Protein backbone atom coordinates (compact mmCIF):
# COMPACT_ATOMS: atom_id res chain seq x y z
CA MET A 1 0.14 -0.02 0.12
CA GLN A 2 1.11 3.53 -0.77
CA LEU A 3 0.33 6.93 0.47
CA MET A 4 0.69 9.85 -2.08
CA TRP A 5 0.18 13.46 -1.33
CA ILE A 6 1.25 16.99 -3.02
CA SER A 7 3.25 19.29 -1.00
CA GLY A 8 4.88 22.79 -1.72
CA PRO A 9 3.95 25.55 -4.36
CA THR A 10 5.62 23.31 -7.12
CA GLY A 11 3.09 20.35 -6.64
CA LYS A 12 5.89 17.74 -5.80
CA VAL A 13 4.24 14.45 -5.54
CA ARG A 14 5.45 12.40 -2.40
CA LYS A 15 5.14 8.61 -1.81
CA ILE A 16 5.32 6.60 1.16
CA SER A 17 5.16 2.69 0.90
CA ILE A 18 3.46 1.20 3.87
CA THR A 19 4.53 -2.34 4.21
CA ALA A 20 4.63 -4.93 7.11
CA ARG A 21 8.49 -4.62 7.54
CA ASN A 22 8.23 -0.75 7.57
CA VAL A 23 5.76 -0.98 10.31
CA MET A 24 7.80 -3.29 12.51
CA VAL A 25 10.95 -1.09 11.90
CA TRP A 26 9.07 1.89 12.85
CA GLY A 27 7.43 0.44 15.94
CA SER A 28 10.49 -0.95 17.22
CA SER A 29 12.24 2.38 16.69
CA LEU A 30 9.53 4.07 18.82
CA SER A 31 9.49 1.62 21.37
CA PHE A 32 13.15 1.88 21.95
CA ALA A 33 13.08 5.67 21.98
CA LEU A 34 10.32 5.44 24.78
CA VAL A 35 12.24 3.01 26.70
CA ALA A 36 15.53 5.27 26.54
CA VAL A 37 13.66 8.52 27.45
CA GLY A 38 11.95 6.43 30.62
CA VAL A 39 15.27 5.30 31.67
CA LEU A 40 16.88 8.59 31.35
CA LEU A 41 14.00 10.33 33.27
CA TYR A 42 14.19 7.79 36.20
CA HIS A 43 17.99 8.13 36.59
CA ILE A 44 17.76 12.02 36.55
CA GLY A 45 14.74 11.78 39.09
CA PHE A 46 16.55 9.32 41.58
CA LYS A 47 19.52 11.68 41.48
CA ILE A 48 17.50 14.57 42.28
CA ALA A 49 15.67 12.44 45.09
CA ILE A 50 18.88 11.34 46.48
CA GLU A 51 20.08 15.08 47.00
CA VAL A 52 16.91 16.68 47.90
CA GLN A 53 15.15 13.80 49.94
CA PRO A 54 17.29 11.06 50.90
CA SER A 55 14.76 9.11 52.95
CA LEU A 56 12.70 8.76 49.95
CA ALA A 57 15.41 7.52 47.69
CA LEU A 58 16.43 5.05 50.57
CA SER A 59 12.92 3.60 50.75
CA LEU A 60 12.63 3.54 46.95
CA GLY A 61 15.94 2.07 45.99
CA GLY A 62 17.82 1.02 49.10
CA VAL A 63 20.58 3.58 48.44
CA ALA A 64 21.86 6.30 50.76
CA THR A 65 24.19 8.84 50.34
CA LYS A 66 27.42 9.66 52.33
CA ALA A 67 25.47 12.57 54.05
CA GLU A 68 22.60 10.25 54.71
CA GLU A 69 25.02 7.66 56.36
CA ASP A 70 26.54 10.46 58.37
CA ARG A 71 23.23 11.80 59.65
CA MET A 72 22.26 8.22 60.57
CA GLU A 73 25.41 7.58 62.38
CA SER A 74 25.30 10.80 64.18
CA TYR A 75 21.60 9.82 65.46
CA TYR A 76 22.52 6.65 66.60
CA ARG A 77 25.67 7.92 68.48
CA GLN A 78 23.30 10.44 70.18
CA LYS A 79 21.08 7.63 71.16
CA LEU A 80 23.79 5.75 72.73
CA ARG A 81 24.97 8.59 74.61
CA VAL A 82 21.37 9.22 76.08
CA VAL A 83 21.55 5.31 77.13
CA GLN A 84 24.86 5.33 78.47
CA THR A 85 24.27 8.57 80.52
CA THR A 86 20.94 6.89 81.95
CA LEU A 87 22.67 3.75 82.80
CA ASP A 88 25.40 5.74 84.59
CA THR A 89 22.95 7.35 86.66
CA THR A 90 21.24 4.14 87.45
CA VAL A 91 24.64 2.79 88.58
CA GLN A 92 24.83 5.98 90.92
CA GLN A 93 21.45 5.23 92.27
CA ILE A 94 22.28 1.72 92.89
CA ARG A 95 25.39 2.85 94.98
CA GLN A 96 23.34 5.45 96.92
CA LEU A 97 20.78 2.84 97.76
CA GLN A 98 23.40 0.51 98.96
CA THR A 99 24.60 3.28 101.32
CA LEU A 100 21.14 3.76 102.63
CA LYS A 101 20.80 0.00 103.14
CA ASP A 102 23.92 -0.19 105.10
CA ARG A 103 22.87 2.78 107.18
CA PHE A 104 19.44 1.12 107.73
CA MET A 105 20.98 -2.23 108.78
CA VAL A 106 23.16 -0.20 111.25
CA LEU A 107 20.04 1.40 112.97
CA ALA A 108 17.60 -1.59 112.83
CA THR A 109 20.03 -4.57 113.47
CA PRO A 110 21.19 -5.28 116.84
CA ILE A 111 25.14 -5.93 117.32
CA PRO A 112 24.61 -9.58 118.51
CA LEU A 113 22.73 -10.42 115.16
CA ARG A 114 25.36 -8.40 113.12
CA GLU A 115 28.10 -10.25 114.57
CA LYS A 116 26.65 -13.51 113.90
CA HIS A 117 25.96 -12.56 110.16
CA ASP A 118 27.78 -15.30 107.93
CA ALA A 119 29.22 -16.80 110.88
CA THR A 120 28.52 -20.26 109.96
CA GLY A 121 26.88 -22.22 106.92
CA ASP A 122 25.18 -20.71 103.88
CA GLY A 123 21.59 -21.57 104.41
CA ARG A 124 19.47 -18.92 102.60
CA GLY A 125 16.05 -18.79 100.94
CA GLY A 126 12.74 -16.98 100.81
CA PRO A 127 10.13 -16.27 98.07
CA LEU A 128 11.21 -14.58 94.89
CA VAL A 129 9.96 -10.92 94.92
CA PRO A 130 11.35 -9.33 91.67
CA VAL A 131 12.46 -5.89 92.03
CA LEU A 132 11.12 -5.07 88.51
CA ALA A 133 9.93 -7.41 85.89
CA PHE A 134 10.16 -6.50 82.16
CA PRO A 135 8.12 -8.60 79.71
CA PRO A 136 10.26 -10.07 76.95
CA SER A 137 10.46 -7.61 73.95
CA PRO A 138 9.91 -9.02 70.43
CA VAL A 139 12.76 -8.57 68.07
CA ALA A 140 12.57 -5.16 66.73
CA SER A 141 14.63 -2.51 64.96
CA LEU A 142 17.91 -0.98 66.34
CA PRO A 143 16.01 2.35 66.79
CA ALA A 144 13.16 0.79 68.42
CA SER A 145 15.53 -1.55 70.59
CA MET A 146 17.38 1.55 71.81
CA ASP A 147 14.14 3.35 72.68
CA GLY A 148 12.89 0.30 74.49
CA THR A 149 16.11 0.05 76.69
CA LEU A 150 15.96 3.56 77.53
CA LYS A 151 12.23 3.21 78.71
CA GLU A 152 13.15 0.38 80.72
CA ALA A 153 16.08 2.14 82.27
CA THR A 154 13.88 5.06 83.06
CA GLN A 155 11.26 2.76 84.76
CA PHE A 156 14.03 1.07 86.81
CA GLN A 157 15.33 4.84 87.92
CA LYS A 158 11.87 5.64 89.16
CA LEU A 159 11.78 2.41 90.97
CA LEU A 160 15.06 3.11 92.69
CA ASP A 161 13.71 6.62 93.63
CA ASP A 162 10.80 5.07 95.35
CA VAL A 163 12.96 2.77 97.29
CA GLN A 164 15.33 5.27 98.42
CA GLN A 165 12.61 7.79 99.30
CA HIS A 166 11.03 4.72 101.51
CA TRP A 167 14.31 3.90 103.24
CA ARG A 168 15.05 7.48 103.98
CA GLN A 169 11.91 7.90 105.66
CA GLN A 170 12.32 4.54 107.47
CA ILE A 171 15.85 5.84 108.64
CA SER A 172 14.72 9.32 109.58
CA TRP A 173 11.93 7.43 111.63
CA LEU A 174 14.63 5.05 113.39
CA GLU A 175 16.73 8.07 114.04
CA THR A 176 13.94 9.53 116.24
CA LEU A 177 13.76 6.34 118.34
CA PRO A 178 16.29 5.87 121.30
CA THR A 179 17.72 3.04 120.01
CA GLY A 180 21.24 4.32 119.75
CA LEU A 181 24.02 3.61 122.16
CA PRO A 182 24.27 6.37 124.63
CA ILE A 183 27.86 6.17 125.34
CA GLY A 184 31.00 6.43 123.31
CA GLY A 185 34.51 4.93 124.09
CA ASP A 186 35.12 1.93 126.18
CA TYR A 187 32.57 0.74 128.71
CA GLY A 188 30.97 -1.82 130.55
CA VAL A 189 27.52 -2.74 131.73
CA SER A 190 27.87 -2.71 135.66
CA SER A 191 24.13 -2.86 136.61
CA GLY A 192 20.96 -4.16 134.70
CA TYR A 193 17.66 -3.18 134.68
CA GLY A 194 15.15 -4.50 137.48
CA LEU A 195 15.84 -5.93 141.02
CA ARG A 196 19.27 -5.61 142.49
CA SER A 197 21.15 -5.38 145.64
CA ASP A 198 21.52 -1.66 146.20
CA PRO A 199 25.24 -0.70 146.15
CA PHE A 200 24.91 1.36 149.25
CA THR A 201 22.63 -0.58 151.69
CA GLY A 202 22.77 -4.01 150.05
CA ALA A 203 18.94 -4.29 150.52
CA LEU A 204 16.91 -5.37 147.52
CA ALA A 205 15.74 -2.55 145.46
CA ARG A 206 14.64 -1.71 142.09
CA HIS A 207 16.88 -0.37 139.20
CA ASP A 208 15.10 1.67 136.45
CA GLY A 209 17.96 1.76 134.03
CA LEU A 210 21.21 0.47 132.82
CA ASP A 211 24.67 1.56 134.34
CA PHE A 212 27.50 1.91 132.01
CA SER A 213 30.80 2.05 133.83
CA ALA A 214 33.32 4.20 131.89
CA ALA A 215 36.28 6.64 132.90
CA PHE A 216 35.65 10.17 133.72
CA GLY A 217 34.94 12.32 130.73
CA THR A 218 33.85 9.55 128.52
CA PRO A 219 31.53 11.12 125.84
CA ILE A 220 27.76 10.69 126.62
CA LEU A 221 25.77 10.44 123.45
CA ALA A 222 22.08 11.39 122.40
CA ALA A 223 20.34 8.10 121.81
CA ALA A 224 18.07 9.67 119.11
CA ASP A 225 17.08 12.97 117.58
CA GLY A 226 15.04 15.02 120.07
CA VAL A 227 14.80 18.32 122.12
CA VAL A 228 16.51 18.74 125.51
CA THR A 229 13.64 19.19 127.98
CA ARG A 230 15.63 18.95 131.39
CA VAL A 231 19.18 19.91 132.48
CA GLY A 232 19.68 20.01 136.27
CA HIS A 233 21.03 18.68 139.46
CA ASP A 234 19.17 15.95 141.70
CA VAL A 235 20.23 14.49 144.96
CA SER A 236 20.01 10.95 143.52
CA TYR A 237 20.86 11.43 139.84
CA GLY A 238 23.44 14.17 140.32
CA ASN A 239 23.94 16.20 137.30
CA VAL A 240 20.99 14.95 135.11
CA LEU A 241 19.86 15.42 131.35
CA GLU A 242 16.60 14.62 129.71
CA ILE A 243 15.75 14.44 125.93
CA THR A 244 12.47 14.29 124.59
CA HIS A 245 12.01 12.08 121.59
CA ALA A 246 9.40 11.09 119.10
CA GLU A 247 6.45 8.74 119.77
CA GLY A 248 6.27 9.42 123.60
CA PHE A 249 9.96 8.36 124.29
CA VAL A 250 12.35 10.39 126.67
CA THR A 251 15.74 9.34 127.59
CA ARG A 252 17.48 10.15 130.86
CA TYR A 253 21.30 10.61 131.57
CA ALA A 254 22.54 10.84 135.06
CA HIS A 255 25.61 11.07 137.25
CA LEU A 256 27.23 13.50 134.65
CA SER A 257 30.40 15.31 135.03
CA ARG A 258 29.22 18.08 132.83
CA THR A 259 26.56 18.84 130.25
CA LEU A 260 26.91 20.66 126.87
CA VAL A 261 23.47 21.21 125.90
CA VAL A 262 20.63 23.71 127.12
CA PRO A 263 16.95 23.11 127.62
CA GLY A 264 15.05 23.71 124.42
CA GLN A 265 17.99 22.80 122.22
CA LYS A 266 17.48 20.41 119.25
CA VAL A 267 19.99 17.36 119.39
CA ALA A 268 20.69 14.78 117.00
CA ARG A 269 21.41 11.00 117.24
CA GLY A 270 24.92 10.32 118.13
CA GLN A 271 25.63 14.08 119.15
CA HIS A 272 27.93 14.66 122.38
CA VAL A 273 25.72 15.87 124.89
CA ALA A 274 27.42 15.31 128.22
CA ASP A 275 30.52 13.61 129.86
CA VAL A 276 30.60 10.68 132.48
CA GLY A 277 30.92 11.40 135.79
CA SER A 278 30.16 10.23 139.50
CA THR A 279 27.82 13.02 140.77
CA GLY A 280 25.00 12.27 143.14
CA ARG A 281 24.28 8.85 144.49
CA SER A 282 27.16 7.02 142.61
CA THR A 283 29.92 4.81 143.83
CA GLY A 284 32.10 5.38 140.90
CA PRO A 285 32.40 7.17 137.22
CA HIS A 286 29.44 5.56 135.12
CA LEU A 287 26.23 6.71 133.27
CA HIS A 288 22.89 5.79 134.49
CA TYR A 289 20.63 5.52 131.33
CA GLU A 290 16.95 5.34 131.43
CA VAL A 291 14.13 5.16 129.05
CA ILE A 292 10.76 6.51 129.57
CA HIS A 293 7.74 5.59 127.14
CA ASN A 294 4.40 7.47 127.57
CA GLY A 295 5.35 8.09 131.29
CA TYR A 296 6.37 4.75 132.33
CA VAL A 297 9.88 3.72 132.78
CA ILE A 298 10.82 0.79 130.55
CA ASN A 299 13.91 -1.65 130.13
CA PRO A 300 16.27 0.25 127.90
CA ALA A 301 17.34 -3.21 126.54
CA GLN A 302 13.82 -3.35 124.82
CA VAL A 303 14.60 -0.31 122.46
CA LEU A 304 18.48 -0.12 122.79
CA LEU A 305 20.12 -1.78 120.03
CA PHE A 306 23.71 -1.18 121.06
CA ASN A 307 24.49 0.46 117.62
CA ARG A 308 27.61 2.34 117.18
CA GLY A 309 26.37 3.67 113.65
């Protein structure tokens, strides 16, 4: 088949022969040209995407530029620094908790029990009470794993804060109770609480405290936080000092050689408040120590833990 047309002012006749071979050649050429143009546009567009929006190029072609790699490395390094800082803080909290635990044990455990700690055997037990349990995490991407670790560490820090606060409250409470040793330096217990033979008459009599024999001038310590409510002299007690504590407790220190505090003064547990003497009805230097609870004299051994902490 032929197509004929006249073109131009000269009326020149043009002819095109349309055959199957020509149609195939033209079709192939057109297809190749379209494919080439498409490939060219793809590469040009992908290059632009890499430069303008690297994340899009990464999702489309799995390719990252050097700038994108640097950005990702910086991101992960920053995440790691945050996790490391959090873990360092957690370690510090655990050390502080250990210090609080040691202080708590000193305040709450009598010396006889502490001396027997780990003395014989290795028998231990008790129910398992986890401090904090995290459910197993499914396999996740690196950013998700780092975020999960940071979240768990933050939760653990919150738990440590709560435990520390609880122990501080317990320690503060224990320090207000007369459980501390009222004397420093070397001493001996020369007379206990209850019935005894009176050291002057030999008759059976009641002794309302503990006698700590010690050298003249041995420091006498406040058995707990409190307020000084009496400083004076008594025929029987000699120079005497009384301190009022929490929950209805009062401690009395007698036969003092001197006092270092005045009425109304706040004192702390373990504070040096007086010195051992032998004033009043006394056969030699010692501290007569009493504990009164809600107006009644009680055996100091009921609350005294013989702590040196």
